[in-house]
Protein backbone atom coordinates (compact mmCIF):
# COMPACT_ATOMS: atom_id res chain seq x y z
CA MET A 1 9.24 -20.74 46.19
CA ALA A 2 6.80 -21.62 43.45
CA SER A 3 7.52 -20.06 40.08
CA ILE A 4 5.08 -17.62 38.56
CA PRO A 5 3.02 -19.42 35.91
CA GLN A 6 3.39 -18.37 32.32
CA PRO A 7 0.53 -16.34 30.85
CA ALA A 8 -2.22 -18.37 29.25
CA HIS A 9 -1.65 -19.15 25.57
CA ALA A 10 1.95 -17.89 25.67
CA THR A 11 2.94 -20.20 22.81
CA VAL A 12 0.11 -18.93 20.61
CA GLN A 13 1.02 -15.32 21.34
CA ALA A 14 4.66 -16.04 20.50
CA ILE A 15 3.60 -17.43 17.11
CA TYR A 16 1.48 -14.37 16.44
CA ARG A 17 4.41 -12.10 17.34
CA LEU A 18 6.61 -14.04 14.93
CA HIS A 19 4.32 -13.13 12.04
CA GLU A 20 4.10 -9.51 13.21
CA GLN A 21 7.89 -9.23 13.34
CA ARG A 22 8.23 -10.68 9.85
CA GLU A 23 5.69 -8.21 8.54
CA ALA A 24 7.50 -5.28 10.17
CA GLN A 25 10.78 -6.34 8.60
CA ALA A 26 9.20 -6.62 5.15
CA GLY A 27 8.61 -2.87 4.94
CA HIS A 28 6.45 -1.20 2.31
CA ARG A 29 5.70 -2.56 -1.14
CA PRO A 30 7.93 -0.57 -3.55
CA HIS A 31 5.42 -0.49 -6.41
CA LEU A 32 1.78 0.31 -6.98
CA GLY A 33 0.27 -3.17 -6.94
CA ALA A 34 -1.92 -4.67 -9.63
CA SER A 35 -3.80 -6.42 -6.82
CA LEU A 36 -4.93 -3.00 -5.52
CA ILE A 37 -5.57 -1.03 -8.71
CA GLY A 38 -9.28 -1.92 -8.68
CA HIS A 39 -9.74 -0.30 -5.25
CA PRO A 40 -12.66 2.16 -5.37
CA CYS A 41 -10.66 5.07 -3.88
CA ALA A 42 -7.83 6.62 -5.91
CA ARG A 43 -6.68 8.56 -2.85
CA TYR A 44 -6.22 5.31 -0.90
CA LEU A 45 -4.07 3.97 -3.74
CA TRP A 46 -1.94 7.12 -3.83
CA LEU A 47 -1.45 7.19 -0.05
CA SER A 48 -0.51 3.51 -0.02
CA TRP A 49 1.96 3.86 -2.87
CA ARG A 50 3.46 6.98 -1.28
CA TRP A 51 3.90 5.11 2.03
CA ALA A 52 1.81 7.66 3.92
CA ASP A 53 0.78 4.85 6.24
CA LYS A 54 0.74 1.08 6.31
CA GLU A 55 -2.25 -0.98 7.27
CA ALA A 56 -1.42 -2.93 10.42
CA PHE A 57 -2.59 -6.51 10.89
CA ASP A 58 -2.26 -8.59 14.01
CA GLY A 59 -0.51 -11.95 14.04
CA ARG A 60 -3.71 -13.91 13.66
CA MET A 61 -4.63 -12.09 10.43
CA LEU A 62 -1.09 -12.37 9.07
CA ARG A 63 -1.20 -16.09 9.73
CA LEU A 64 -4.49 -16.23 7.85
CA PHE A 65 -2.84 -14.55 4.86
CA GLU A 66 -0.09 -17.16 5.04
CA ALA A 67 -2.77 -19.86 4.83
CA GLY A 68 -3.91 -18.25 1.58
CA ARG A 69 -0.41 -18.57 0.15
CA GLN A 70 -0.34 -22.22 1.19
CA PHE A 71 -3.59 -22.70 -0.73
CA GLU A 72 -1.86 -21.37 -3.84
CA GLN A 73 0.83 -24.05 -3.55
CA ARG A 74 -1.77 -26.74 -2.95
CA ILE A 75 -3.90 -25.85 -5.96
CA VAL A 76 -0.86 -25.69 -8.26
CA GLY A 77 0.00 -29.23 -7.19
CA GLU A 78 -3.57 -30.38 -7.80
CA LEU A 79 -3.70 -28.81 -11.26
CA ARG A 80 -0.48 -30.55 -12.24
CA ALA A 81 -1.81 -33.82 -10.87
CA ILE A 82 -4.81 -33.66 -13.24
CA GLY A 83 -2.53 -33.06 -16.22
CA VAL A 84 -2.48 -29.25 -16.48
CA GLN A 85 0.80 -27.58 -17.41
CA VAL A 86 1.43 -24.85 -14.82
CA THR A 87 4.18 -22.23 -14.91
CA ASP A 88 4.40 -20.42 -11.58
CA VAL A 89 8.02 -19.16 -11.53
CA ASP A 90 10.33 -17.36 -13.96
CA GLU A 91 13.70 -18.54 -15.25
CA GLN A 92 15.36 -17.51 -11.99
CA GLY A 93 12.91 -19.55 -9.93
CA ARG A 94 11.07 -16.47 -8.61
CA GLN A 95 7.34 -15.84 -8.70
CA TRP A 96 6.33 -14.64 -12.16
CA ARG A 97 6.26 -10.82 -12.07
CA VAL A 98 5.00 -8.25 -14.57
CA SER A 99 5.47 -4.48 -14.52
CA ASP A 100 4.51 -1.31 -16.36
CA HIS A 101 5.01 2.47 -16.22
CA GLY A 102 8.74 2.41 -15.66
CA GLY A 103 8.53 -0.37 -13.09
CA HIS A 104 6.26 1.59 -10.74
CA PHE A 105 3.15 -0.47 -11.49
CA ALA A 106 3.63 -4.20 -10.98
CA GLY A 107 2.30 -7.47 -9.71
CA SER A 108 3.09 -11.16 -9.30
CA LEU A 109 1.05 -13.87 -10.99
CA ASP A 110 -0.02 -16.99 -9.17
CA GLY A 111 0.84 -18.73 -12.42
CA ALA A 112 -0.12 -19.46 -16.00
CA ALA A 113 -1.72 -22.67 -17.22
CA LEU A 114 -2.11 -24.65 -20.43
CA GLY A 115 -4.33 -27.70 -20.71
CA LEU A 116 -7.25 -26.72 -18.52
CA PRO A 117 -10.19 -29.04 -19.26
CA GLU A 118 -12.45 -26.12 -20.25
CA ALA A 119 -10.05 -24.91 -22.99
CA PRO A 120 -7.01 -27.21 -23.34
CA ALA A 121 -5.28 -25.23 -26.11
CA THR A 122 -5.46 -21.79 -24.47
CA TRP A 123 -3.00 -20.29 -22.03
CA HIS A 124 -4.69 -18.83 -18.94
CA VAL A 125 -3.53 -16.44 -16.26
CA LEU A 126 -4.10 -18.18 -12.92
CA GLU A 127 -5.52 -16.36 -9.92
CA PHE A 128 -6.23 -18.14 -6.63
CA LYS A 129 -8.14 -16.71 -3.68
CA THR A 130 -9.63 -17.99 -0.44
CA HIS A 131 -12.99 -16.73 0.90
CA ASN A 132 -15.08 -17.01 4.01
CA ALA A 133 -18.48 -18.66 3.62
CA LYS A 134 -20.44 -15.45 3.02
CA SER A 135 -18.00 -14.11 0.46
CA PHE A 136 -17.84 -17.49 -1.30
CA GLU A 137 -21.62 -17.68 -1.69
CA GLU A 138 -21.72 -14.16 -3.09
CA LEU A 139 -18.99 -15.10 -5.55
CA LYS A 140 -20.96 -18.09 -6.78
CA ALA A 141 -24.13 -16.01 -7.12
CA LYS A 142 -22.68 -12.95 -8.84
CA GLY A 143 -19.42 -14.02 -10.49
CA VAL A 144 -16.01 -12.52 -9.88
CA ARG A 145 -16.55 -9.29 -11.85
CA ASP A 146 -19.44 -8.14 -9.68
CA ALA A 147 -18.61 -9.86 -6.42
CA LYS A 148 -14.87 -9.13 -6.36
CA PRO A 149 -14.09 -6.23 -8.73
CA MET A 150 -10.54 -5.83 -7.38
CA HIS A 151 -9.76 -9.46 -8.23
CA TYR A 152 -11.30 -8.96 -11.68
CA ALA A 153 -9.17 -5.85 -12.27
CA GLN A 154 -6.05 -7.69 -11.14
CA MET A 155 -6.63 -10.40 -13.73
CA GLN A 156 -7.26 -7.84 -16.47
CA VAL A 157 -3.90 -6.24 -15.73
CA TYR A 158 -2.11 -9.58 -15.75
CA MET A 159 -3.71 -10.61 -19.03
CA GLY A 160 -2.90 -7.26 -20.62
CA LEU A 161 0.73 -7.30 -19.54
CA THR A 162 1.38 -10.93 -20.52
CA GLY A 163 -0.60 -11.00 -23.75
CA MET A 164 -2.88 -13.81 -22.58
CA THR A 165 -6.57 -13.44 -23.36
CA ARG A 166 -8.09 -15.69 -20.70
CA ALA A 167 -7.76 -16.09 -16.95
CA MET A 168 -8.84 -18.89 -14.64
CA TYR A 169 -10.04 -17.78 -11.22
CA ILE A 170 -10.10 -20.54 -8.59
CA ALA A 171 -11.52 -19.82 -5.16
CA GLU A 172 -11.78 -21.93 -2.01
CA ASN A 173 -14.34 -21.72 0.76
CA LYS A 174 -12.14 -21.68 3.86
CA ASN A 175 -14.95 -23.16 5.94
CA THR A 176 -15.71 -26.18 3.75
CA SER A 177 -12.81 -26.49 1.24
CA GLU A 178 -15.36 -26.26 -1.59
CA LEU A 179 -13.82 -24.93 -4.81
CA TYR A 180 -15.25 -22.51 -7.36
CA SER A 181 -13.72 -21.76 -10.76
CA GLU A 182 -14.52 -19.16 -13.40
CA ARG A 183 -12.94 -18.32 -16.73
CA VAL A 184 -12.49 -14.60 -17.33
CA GLU A 185 -12.13 -13.02 -20.77
CA PHE A 186 -9.65 -10.24 -21.48
CA ASP A 187 -11.25 -6.81 -21.81
CA ALA A 188 -8.88 -4.45 -23.64
CA VAL A 189 -10.92 -1.36 -22.74
CA ALA A 190 -10.92 -2.24 -19.05
CA PHE A 191 -7.17 -2.95 -19.17
CA GLU A 192 -6.33 0.43 -20.72
CA ARG A 193 -8.57 2.18 -18.21
CA LEU A 194 -6.71 0.48 -15.36
CA ARG A 195 -3.32 1.34 -16.89
CA ALA A 196 -4.37 4.97 -17.21
CA ARG A 197 -5.55 5.01 -13.61
CA ALA A 198 -2.22 3.63 -12.43
CA LEU A 199 -0.28 6.21 -14.44
CA SER A 200 -2.34 9.09 -13.08
CA ILE A 201 -1.57 7.98 -9.52
CA ILE A 202 2.13 7.50 -10.23
CA GLU A 203 2.52 10.88 -11.94
CA SER A 204 0.47 12.91 -9.45
CA PRO A 205 2.64 14.91 -7.01
CA GLU A 206 -0.35 15.32 -4.68
CA PRO A 207 -3.10 13.00 -3.43
CA PRO A 208 -6.29 12.74 -5.51
CA PRO A 209 -9.62 13.87 -4.03
CA ARG A 210 -11.30 11.78 -1.34
CA ILE A 211 -13.95 9.31 -2.39
CA SER A 212 -16.18 11.12 0.12
CA SER A 213 -15.87 14.19 2.35
CA ASP A 214 -17.99 12.43 4.97
CA PRO A 215 -15.81 10.62 7.54
CA ALA A 216 -18.74 8.28 8.28
CA TRP A 217 -19.10 7.23 4.62
CA TRP A 218 -19.21 3.44 4.49
CA GLN A 219 -16.11 3.16 2.31
CA CYS A 220 -14.19 5.57 4.54
CA LYS A 221 -15.06 4.73 8.12
CA THR A 222 -13.22 1.38 8.14
CA CYS A 223 -10.41 2.44 5.81
CA ALA A 224 -6.83 2.16 7.05
CA MET A 225 -6.19 5.72 5.79
CA HIS A 226 -9.13 7.24 7.68
CA GLY A 227 -6.94 9.14 10.13
CA LEU A 228 -4.97 10.74 7.29
CA CYS A 229 -7.99 11.68 5.20
CA HIS A 230 -10.50 12.67 7.85
CA GLY A 231 -8.47 13.20 11.02
CA GLU A 232 -5.32 15.01 12.13
CA GLN A 233 -2.93 12.12 11.70
CA ALA A 234 0.32 13.09 9.99
CA PRO A 235 1.82 10.65 7.47
CA LEU A 236 4.85 8.46 8.06
CA VAL A 237 8.17 10.19 7.50
CA ASN A 238 9.99 8.72 4.51
CA CYS A 239 11.12 9.83 1.07
CA ARG A 240 7.78 9.02 -0.52
CA THR A 241 5.91 11.56 1.63
CA CYS A 242 8.57 14.22 1.04
CA ALA A 243 7.96 17.11 -1.35
CA HIS A 244 11.45 16.64 -2.81
CA SER A 245 11.00 13.07 -4.09
CA THR A 246 9.96 12.14 -7.62
CA PRO A 247 9.37 8.72 -9.24
CA VAL A 248 11.67 8.08 -12.19
CA PRO A 249 10.49 6.02 -15.21
CA ASP A 250 13.75 4.07 -15.45
CA GLY A 251 12.22 0.62 -15.82
CA LYS A 252 13.31 -0.27 -12.29
CA GLY A 253 10.81 1.75 -10.26
CA GLY A 254 13.47 4.29 -9.27
CA TRP A 255 13.07 7.50 -7.29
CA LYS A 256 15.04 10.76 -7.26
CA CYS A 257 15.67 13.36 -4.57
CA GLU A 258 15.26 16.73 -6.27
CA LEU A 259 16.85 18.54 -3.32
CA ARG A 260 20.14 16.66 -3.58
CA ASN A 261 19.78 15.61 -7.24
CA THR A 262 20.51 11.98 -6.40
CA ALA A 263 18.84 8.62 -6.88
CA ILE A 264 17.21 7.12 -3.77
CA ASP A 265 17.36 3.37 -3.27
CA ILE A 266 14.65 1.49 -1.39
CA SER A 267 16.46 1.38 1.96
CA ARG A 268 17.07 5.13 1.89
CA GLN A 269 13.46 5.75 0.90
CA HIS A 270 12.32 4.01 4.06
CA ALA A 271 14.76 5.93 6.25
CA GLY A 272 14.22 9.42 4.86
CA CYS A 273 16.50 12.24 6.04
CA ASP A 274 16.54 15.47 8.06
CA GLY A 275 15.69 17.36 4.88
CA HIS A 276 12.24 15.78 4.77
CA ARG A 277 9.48 18.29 4.17
CA TYR A 278 5.93 17.01 3.92
CA ILE A 279 4.02 17.29 0.68
CA PRO A 280 1.87 20.21 1.92
CA LEU A 281 -1.48 18.74 0.95
CA LEU A 282 -0.77 15.80 3.26
CA LEU A 283 -1.08 18.17 6.21
CA GLU A 284 -4.23 19.96 5.02
CA ARG A 285 -6.26 18.66 7.98
CA ILE A 286 -3.68 20.13 10.36
CA GLY A 287 -2.93 23.42 8.63
CA GLU A 288 -3.02 25.23 5.30
CA GLN A 289 0.26 26.12 3.61
CA VAL A 290 0.65 29.91 3.57
CA ASP A 291 4.33 30.36 2.72
CA ALA A 292 7.62 28.66 1.91
CA THR A 293 11.07 30.20 2.28
CA ALA A 294 14.49 28.92 1.27
CA GLU A 295 16.89 27.61 3.92
CA PRO A 296 20.72 27.74 3.66
CA ASP A 297 20.96 24.13 2.45
CA GLY A 298 18.50 24.80 -0.37
CA ASN A 299 15.66 23.14 1.51
CA ALA A 300 12.41 24.93 2.30
CA ALA A 301 10.81 26.06 5.50
CA VAL A 302 7.09 25.57 4.91
CA ARG A 303 4.71 27.67 6.99
CA TYR A 304 1.22 26.44 7.86
CA ARG A 305 -1.80 28.21 9.38
CA THR A 306 -4.03 26.12 11.61
CA PRO A 307 -7.85 26.39 11.57
CA ASP A 308 -7.79 28.58 14.71
CA GLY A 309 -5.33 31.05 13.17
CA GLY A 310 -2.09 29.83 14.74
CA GLU A 311 1.00 29.08 12.67
CA PHE A 312 3.85 26.57 12.65
CA VAL A 313 6.74 25.79 10.32
CA ASN A 314 7.93 22.47 8.94
CA GLY A 315 11.66 23.15 8.72
CA ALA A 316 15.09 22.99 10.31
CA PRO A 317 15.54 23.96 14.01
CA PRO A 318 14.09 25.93 15.67
CA HIS A 319 11.14 24.89 13.53
CA PHE A 320 9.45 21.48 13.57
CA ALA A 321 11.02 18.54 11.79
CA SER A 322 8.56 16.25 10.02
CA ARG A 323 9.10 13.53 12.62
CA GLU A 324 7.94 15.98 15.32
CA ILE A 325 4.78 16.81 13.41
CA ARG A 326 4.12 13.09 13.05
CA ALA A 327 4.81 12.44 16.75
CA ALA A 328 2.67 15.24 18.20
CA GLN A 329 -0.48 13.60 19.55
CA HIS A 330 -2.24 16.96 19.83
CA LYS A 331 -1.40 18.95 16.70
CA VAL A 332 -2.59 22.20 18.30
CA MET A 333 0.66 22.25 20.28
CA LEU A 334 2.60 22.89 17.06
CA ALA A 335 1.18 26.44 16.96
CA ASP A 336 1.48 27.00 20.71
CA ALA A 337 3.61 30.06 21.50
CA GLU A 338 5.16 28.50 24.60
CA VAL A 339 6.18 25.35 22.75
CA GLN A 340 7.72 27.42 19.98
CA LYS A 341 9.56 29.55 22.58
CA VAL A 342 11.12 26.44 24.13
CA LYS A 343 12.15 25.26 20.66
CA ALA A 344 13.82 28.62 19.98
CA GLU A 345 15.66 28.75 23.32
CA TRP A 346 16.72 25.09 23.37
CA PRO A 347 17.91 24.09 19.86
CA GLY A 348 17.96 20.41 20.76
CA ALA A 349 14.39 20.33 22.08
CA GLU A 350 12.05 18.06 20.15
CA VAL A 351 8.40 17.08 20.27
CA VAL A 352 8.30 13.34 20.91
CA ALA A 353 4.62 12.75 21.70
């Protein structure tokens, strides 16, 4: 009997899955990233840092990102070959990292350089990026500050936190391998504004306002957080989305569980616990908080009223655990009397979809 042929492009799909699996294992970034702080929407930054969701990329895109990291290694080698002194790792051989605000705001430099032909005696922060043809032409026409404000903000943070006053931005056109370089001057006012923005996000116990209340707004409609901001999607269940967690300015980016009065390491933050109770404003599109009562373990049972007048509780059985609220595809079922009756009569019953 003839064997069934393998699906077309099985090898390619296996490679893509490899990158997807690696990304899944990497988990969330523990800090608010300097590479993101120039994002136009403060709410997006807060939701990302609080692990409310994680933007998903397919294997092809993840492989493209990997190509960008390979470009960084290539350009470092080329700079050294033309006589530039490049420092791209710290004393432990790790990528050079800077941090601020108790370790909660951080980023990793592509490197620092001395001996660049444009200014041989001045140390420069190095920032390398790859662009498609359209983006590259816009960069050449407008300069990095106007064409890529997030990249500009990233360099300002790195200069401010290292004490360097110049940055060298080197970009590659992925279609043609053409290079573009631009020296960027440190702007102390811009740096302090970015630091203040980061601190306000870190210290806020609730998400900032939306950049727009219109779900079709151009900056919203393609955003990875669209379902959280403008739909009925419930956030991921982890310590960062829990009302009991608080960032601690310990210099290490630590977090504390106020319910149990204990520190929470990164692995436990990802896992969460049965005591998870959503930060109420994260469920505002599903229901409005109307009450909160104490449970025997000191936790809270938080009651919500849905737009049609129904109610549900985020709490211990027979109420809805956070994972059930997340799992429910149709949130209206949370306030359904029959569903709540089943929950009350069968303590082990859970909403799974």
